[in-house]
Amino acid sequence: MSKVCQITGKKAIVGNNVSHSNAKTKRKFNVNLFSKKFYWVEQDTWVSLNISAAGLRIINKIGLDAAIKKAAEKGYLNA
């Protein structure tokens, strides 16, 4: 499972840990990602998505069908 949101396309980014002595070491900022199953009424089927918290808010706001169509247009969804 890759760490990419299937609705928003968010993925991990790289930054620095900064210590008290101001020494910098590389670290990753991971996405708040989880697997969730949704019932897609238009297709009459269950869909399993790896989504971020922001992706879940988008689905709640515009609906599953519109969110999946928008993600497919942008190429985030591999289905």
Protein backbone atom coordinates (compact mmCIF):
# COMPACT_ATOMS: atom_id res chain seq x y z
CA MET A 1 0.00 0.00 0.00
CA SER A 2 1.56 3.27 -1.08
CA LYS A 3 1.20 6.24 1.25
CA VAL A 4 -0.84 8.39 -1.15
CA CYS A 5 -4.43 9.60 -0.69
CA GLN A 6 -6.63 8.37 -3.55
CA ILE A 7 -8.93 11.41 -3.34
CA THR A 8 -6.57 14.36 -2.79
CA GLY A 9 -3.27 12.92 -4.05
CA LYS A 10 -1.47 13.94 -0.86
CA LYS A 11 1.76 12.08 -0.12
CA ALA A 12 4.63 12.18 2.35
CA ILE A 13 7.05 15.10 2.14
CA VAL A 14 10.62 15.42 3.40
CA GLY A 15 11.79 17.92 5.99
CA ASN A 16 14.26 18.32 8.82
CA ASN A 17 14.34 17.44 12.49
CA VAL A 18 15.94 20.42 14.21
CA SER A 19 17.59 19.75 17.57
CA HIS A 20 18.23 22.22 20.36
CA SER A 21 21.78 22.68 19.02
CA ASN A 22 20.23 23.50 15.62
CA ALA A 23 21.63 20.31 14.03
CA LYS A 24 19.41 19.14 11.18
CA THR A 25 18.62 15.54 10.19
CA LYS A 26 16.21 14.37 7.51
CA ARG A 27 12.72 13.13 8.42
CA LYS A 28 9.41 12.41 6.71
CA PHE A 29 6.09 14.12 7.27
CA ASN A 30 3.59 11.32 6.58
CA VAL A 31 -0.03 11.80 5.56
CA ASN A 32 -2.87 11.09 8.01
CA LEU A 33 -3.91 8.09 5.90
CA PHE A 34 -6.33 5.24 6.60
CA SER A 35 -8.34 2.60 4.74
CA LYS A 36 -12.08 3.03 4.60
CA LYS A 37 -14.92 1.29 2.79
CA PHE A 38 -17.72 3.33 1.24
CA TYR A 39 -21.00 2.22 -0.32
CA TRP A 40 -21.19 3.74 -3.81
CA VAL A 41 -24.92 4.07 -4.49
CA GLU A 42 -24.57 4.95 -8.20
CA GLN A 43 -22.62 1.74 -8.92
CA ASP A 44 -24.41 -0.34 -6.23
CA THR A 45 -21.11 -1.62 -4.86
CA TRP A 46 -18.65 -1.19 -1.97
CA VAL A 47 -15.45 0.73 -2.68
CA SER A 48 -12.33 0.50 -0.52
CA LEU A 49 -10.18 3.66 -0.55
CA ASN A 50 -6.94 4.73 1.11
CA ILE A 51 -7.81 8.29 2.05
CA SER A 52 -6.50 11.08 4.23
CA ALA A 53 -8.55 13.01 6.75
CA ALA A 54 -8.82 15.84 4.21
CA GLY A 55 -10.09 13.34 1.62
CA LEU A 56 -12.79 12.18 4.03
CA ARG A 57 -13.89 15.78 4.54
CA ILE A 58 -14.12 16.25 0.77
CA ILE A 59 -16.29 13.11 0.45
CA ASN A 60 -18.54 14.38 3.24
CA LYS A 61 -18.82 17.77 1.55
CA ILE A 62 -19.38 16.96 -2.15
CA GLY A 63 -20.35 13.29 -2.02
CA LEU A 64 -18.62 10.06 -2.96
CA ASP A 65 -19.58 10.08 -6.65
CA ALA A 66 -18.34 13.62 -7.28
CA ALA A 67 -15.15 13.04 -5.28
CA ILE A 68 -14.30 9.85 -7.21
CA LYS A 69 -14.97 11.56 -10.56
CA LYS A 70 -12.77 14.53 -9.62
CA ALA A 71 -9.96 12.23 -8.41
CA ALA A 72 -10.15 10.16 -11.61
CA GLU A 73 -9.89 13.33 -13.73
CA LYS A 74 -6.75 14.41 -11.90
CA GLY A 75 -5.27 10.90 -12.06
CA TYR A 76 -5.17 10.22 -8.31
CA LEU A 77 -7.45 7.19 -8.50
CA ASN A 78 -6.08 4.03 -10.09
CA ALA A 79 -9.33 2.29 -10.96
